[in-house]
Amino acid sequence: MLKRGSVVRSLAGRDKDSLLAVVEVTEKGVLICDGKERPVERPKFKNLRHIGETGAQLPEETISRNKALRKALAGLEDCV
């Protein structure tokens, strides 16, 4: 089940194979960001079919700042 702070992997699109954090869950998809290409202030909408769950969860304070988000996602790249 996806919720705010879940880490997902993009399965389609220009950002394919990159790790992203879920900022908001809607009925049709999710809003995601990575802190660099997609900052927290400008999240991207992704269809649920185009993302894969990794099972990782980020704390709320990590999602609020771009620098902390980039650092957390880089640390997960090896594990996930």
N, C-alpha and C. Protein backbone atom coordinates (compact mmCIF):
# COMPACT_ATOMS: atom_id res chain seq x y z
N MET A 1 0.84 -1.19 0.00
CA MET A 1 0.00 0.00 0.00
C MET A 1 0.88 1.24 0.00
N LEU A 2 0.69 2.09 -0.96
CA LEU A 2 1.47 3.31 -1.06
C LEU A 2 0.91 4.39 -0.14
N LYS A 3 1.80 5.12 0.50
CA LYS A 3 1.41 6.27 1.31
C LYS A 3 2.54 7.28 1.26
N ARG A 4 2.32 8.45 1.84
CA ARG A 4 3.32 9.50 1.83
C ARG A 4 4.61 8.98 2.46
N GLY A 5 5.72 9.14 1.74
CA GLY A 5 7.02 8.69 2.23
C GLY A 5 7.47 7.36 1.65
N SER A 6 6.59 6.66 0.93
CA SER A 6 6.98 5.40 0.31
C SER A 6 8.00 5.66 -0.80
N VAL A 7 8.96 4.76 -0.93
CA VAL A 7 9.95 4.86 -2.00
C VAL A 7 9.52 3.92 -3.12
N VAL A 8 9.46 4.44 -4.33
CA VAL A 8 9.05 3.66 -5.49
C VAL A 8 10.11 3.76 -6.59
N ARG A 9 10.06 2.81 -7.50
CA ARG A 9 10.96 2.83 -8.67
C ARG A 9 10.11 3.09 -9.90
N SER A 10 10.54 3.99 -10.73
CA SER A 10 9.83 4.31 -11.96
C SER A 10 10.04 3.18 -12.97
N LEU A 11 8.95 2.70 -13.56
CA LEU A 11 9.01 1.61 -14.53
C LEU A 11 8.88 2.09 -15.96
N ALA A 12 8.45 3.33 -16.15
CA ALA A 12 8.25 3.86 -17.50
C ALA A 12 8.50 5.36 -17.51
N GLY A 13 8.83 5.86 -18.67
CA GLY A 13 9.03 7.29 -18.83
C GLY A 13 10.48 7.68 -18.84
N ARG A 14 10.70 8.97 -18.87
CA ARG A 14 12.05 9.52 -18.94
C ARG A 14 12.86 9.21 -17.68
N ASP A 15 12.17 9.04 -16.57
CA ASP A 15 12.84 8.77 -15.30
C ASP A 15 12.88 7.28 -14.97
N LYS A 16 12.79 6.41 -15.98
CA LYS A 16 12.76 4.97 -15.80
C LYS A 16 13.95 4.49 -14.97
N ASP A 17 13.69 3.56 -14.05
CA ASP A 17 14.68 2.93 -13.17
C ASP A 17 15.21 3.84 -12.06
N SER A 18 14.64 5.01 -11.88
CA SER A 18 15.10 5.89 -10.81
C SER A 18 14.21 5.72 -9.58
N LEU A 19 14.80 5.97 -8.41
CA LEU A 19 14.05 5.92 -7.16
C LEU A 19 13.41 7.28 -6.90
N LEU A 20 12.17 7.25 -6.45
CA LEU A 20 11.41 8.46 -6.19
C LEU A 20 10.61 8.29 -4.91
N ALA A 21 10.29 9.39 -4.27
CA ALA A 21 9.51 9.35 -3.04
C ALA A 21 8.09 9.84 -3.32
N VAL A 22 7.11 9.16 -2.72
CA VAL A 22 5.71 9.54 -2.87
C VAL A 22 5.42 10.71 -1.94
N VAL A 23 4.87 11.78 -2.52
CA VAL A 23 4.52 12.97 -1.75
C VAL A 23 3.03 12.98 -1.43
N GLU A 24 2.22 12.49 -2.38
CA GLU A 24 0.77 12.46 -2.18
C GLU A 24 0.18 11.33 -2.99
N VAL A 25 -0.85 10.69 -2.46
CA VAL A 25 -1.56 9.62 -3.15
C VAL A 25 -2.94 10.13 -3.55
N THR A 26 -3.29 9.96 -4.82
CA THR A 26 -4.61 10.35 -5.32
C THR A 26 -5.33 9.10 -5.82
N GLU A 27 -6.56 9.26 -6.29
CA GLU A 27 -7.33 8.13 -6.81
C GLU A 27 -6.73 7.56 -8.08
N LYS A 28 -6.18 8.41 -8.93
CA LYS A 28 -5.67 7.97 -10.23
C LYS A 28 -4.19 7.69 -10.26
N GLY A 29 -3.46 8.09 -9.25
CA GLY A 29 -2.01 7.89 -9.25
C GLY A 29 -1.37 8.51 -8.03
N VAL A 30 -0.09 8.85 -8.18
CA VAL A 30 0.66 9.44 -7.07
C VAL A 30 1.45 10.64 -7.56
N LEU A 31 1.77 11.53 -6.65
CA LEU A 31 2.69 12.63 -6.91
C LEU A 31 4.02 12.23 -6.32
N ILE A 32 5.08 12.31 -7.13
CA ILE A 32 6.39 11.84 -6.71
C ILE A 32 7.44 12.93 -6.89
N CYS A 33 8.54 12.81 -6.16
CA CYS A 33 9.66 13.74 -6.33
C CYS A 33 10.95 13.02 -5.96
N ASP A 34 12.07 13.58 -6.42
CA ASP A 34 13.38 13.01 -6.11
C ASP A 34 14.33 14.03 -5.50
N GLY A 35 13.92 15.28 -5.40
CA GLY A 35 14.75 16.30 -4.80
C GLY A 35 15.70 17.00 -5.76
N LYS A 36 15.82 16.51 -6.99
CA LYS A 36 16.72 17.13 -7.96
C LYS A 36 15.95 17.48 -9.22
N GLU A 37 15.68 16.49 -10.08
CA GLU A 37 14.92 16.74 -11.30
C GLU A 37 13.49 17.15 -10.97
N ARG A 38 12.95 16.55 -9.96
CA ARG A 38 11.61 16.86 -9.47
C ARG A 38 11.70 17.27 -8.01
N PRO A 39 11.82 18.57 -7.73
CA PRO A 39 11.90 19.02 -6.34
C PRO A 39 10.56 18.87 -5.62
N VAL A 40 10.60 18.97 -4.32
CA VAL A 40 9.41 18.82 -3.49
C VAL A 40 8.36 19.88 -3.86
N GLU A 41 8.80 21.05 -4.26
CA GLU A 41 7.89 22.13 -4.61
C GLU A 41 7.16 21.89 -5.94
N ARG A 42 7.67 20.97 -6.76
CA ARG A 42 7.10 20.72 -8.08
C ARG A 42 7.06 19.21 -8.36
N PRO A 43 6.21 18.47 -7.63
CA PRO A 43 6.16 17.01 -7.82
C PRO A 43 5.54 16.63 -9.17
N LYS A 44 5.81 15.40 -9.59
CA LYS A 44 5.31 14.90 -10.87
C LYS A 44 4.21 13.87 -10.61
N PHE A 45 3.15 13.90 -11.42
CA PHE A 45 2.09 12.90 -11.34
C PHE A 45 2.54 11.65 -12.09
N LYS A 46 2.35 10.49 -11.48
CA LYS A 46 2.67 9.22 -12.13
C LYS A 46 1.49 8.27 -11.97
N ASN A 47 1.15 7.58 -13.01
CA ASN A 47 0.11 6.56 -12.97
C ASN A 47 0.63 5.38 -12.15
N LEU A 48 -0.24 4.70 -11.44
CA LEU A 48 0.17 3.58 -10.60
C LEU A 48 0.76 2.43 -11.40
N ARG A 49 0.37 2.31 -12.67
CA ARG A 49 0.92 1.25 -13.52
C ARG A 49 2.39 1.50 -13.87
N HIS A 50 2.85 2.73 -13.73
CA HIS A 50 4.19 3.09 -14.15
C HIS A 50 5.20 3.16 -13.01
N ILE A 51 4.82 2.66 -11.83
CA ILE A 51 5.75 2.65 -10.70
C ILE A 51 5.71 1.29 -10.03
N GLY A 52 6.81 0.95 -9.38
CA GLY A 52 6.90 -0.30 -8.63
C GLY A 52 7.28 -0.02 -7.19
N GLU A 53 6.60 -0.66 -6.26
CA GLU A 53 6.89 -0.46 -4.83
C GLU A 53 8.22 -1.14 -4.47
N THR A 54 8.98 -0.48 -3.61
CA THR A 54 10.24 -1.06 -3.15
C THR A 54 10.14 -1.57 -1.72
N GLY A 55 9.13 -1.13 -0.99
CA GLY A 55 8.97 -1.55 0.39
C GLY A 55 9.66 -0.63 1.38
N ALA A 56 10.45 0.31 0.90
CA ALA A 56 11.16 1.25 1.78
C ALA A 56 10.24 2.42 2.12
N GLN A 57 10.46 3.00 3.28
CA GLN A 57 9.67 4.13 3.76
C GLN A 57 10.61 5.20 4.29
N LEU A 58 10.37 6.45 3.91
CA LEU A 58 11.18 7.57 4.39
C LEU A 58 10.41 8.33 5.47
N PRO A 59 11.11 8.85 6.47
CA PRO A 59 10.42 9.65 7.50
C PRO A 59 9.93 10.99 6.93
N GLU A 60 8.95 11.57 7.59
CA GLU A 60 8.31 12.80 7.14
C GLU A 60 9.30 13.95 6.99
N GLU A 61 10.25 14.10 7.92
CA GLU A 61 11.20 15.22 7.85
C GLU A 61 12.13 15.11 6.65
N THR A 62 12.35 13.91 6.15
CA THR A 62 13.20 13.72 4.96
C THR A 62 12.50 14.22 3.71
N ILE A 63 11.20 14.08 3.64
CA ILE A 63 10.44 14.46 2.45
C ILE A 63 10.27 15.97 2.34
N SER A 64 10.44 16.69 3.43
CA SER A 64 10.16 18.12 3.42
C SER A 64 11.29 18.96 2.80
N ARG A 65 12.51 18.41 2.68
CA ARG A 65 13.64 19.18 2.13
C ARG A 65 14.29 18.41 0.99
N ASN A 66 14.62 19.13 -0.08
CA ASN A 66 15.20 18.50 -1.27
C ASN A 66 16.55 17.86 -0.99
N LYS A 67 17.41 18.53 -0.26
CA LYS A 67 18.75 18.00 0.00
C LYS A 67 18.68 16.70 0.81
N ALA A 68 17.83 16.67 1.82
CA ALA A 68 17.67 15.46 2.64
C ALA A 68 17.07 14.33 1.82
N LEU A 69 16.16 14.66 0.93
CA LEU A 69 15.53 13.65 0.08
C LEU A 69 16.54 13.04 -0.89
N ARG A 70 17.35 13.88 -1.53
CA ARG A 70 18.39 13.37 -2.45
C ARG A 70 19.34 12.43 -1.73
N LYS A 71 19.75 12.81 -0.54
CA LYS A 71 20.70 12.01 0.25
C LYS A 71 20.09 10.67 0.65
N ALA A 72 18.84 10.67 1.06
CA ALA A 72 18.17 9.44 1.48
C ALA A 72 17.97 8.50 0.30
N LEU A 73 17.57 9.03 -0.84
CA LEU A 73 17.35 8.18 -2.02
C LEU A 73 18.66 7.63 -2.55
N ALA A 74 19.74 8.40 -2.47
CA ALA A 74 21.06 7.91 -2.91
C ALA A 74 21.53 6.78 -2.01
N GLY A 75 21.24 6.85 -0.74
CA GLY A 75 21.62 5.79 0.18
C GLY A 75 20.84 4.51 -0.04
N LEU A 76 19.63 4.62 -0.55
CA LEU A 76 18.79 3.45 -0.82
C LEU A 76 19.09 2.80 -2.15
N GLU A 77 19.75 3.48 -3.04
CA GLU A 77 20.01 2.99 -4.39
C GLU A 77 20.71 1.62 -4.38
N ASP A 78 21.63 1.42 -3.45
CA ASP A 78 22.35 0.14 -3.38
C ASP A 78 21.49 -0.97 -2.77
N CYS A 79 20.64 -0.62 -1.85
CA CYS A 79 19.85 -1.61 -1.10
C CYS A 79 18.64 -2.11 -1.88
N VAL A 80 18.06 -1.24 -2.70
CA VAL A 80 16.78 -1.59 -3.33
C VAL A 80 16.97 -1.97 -4.76
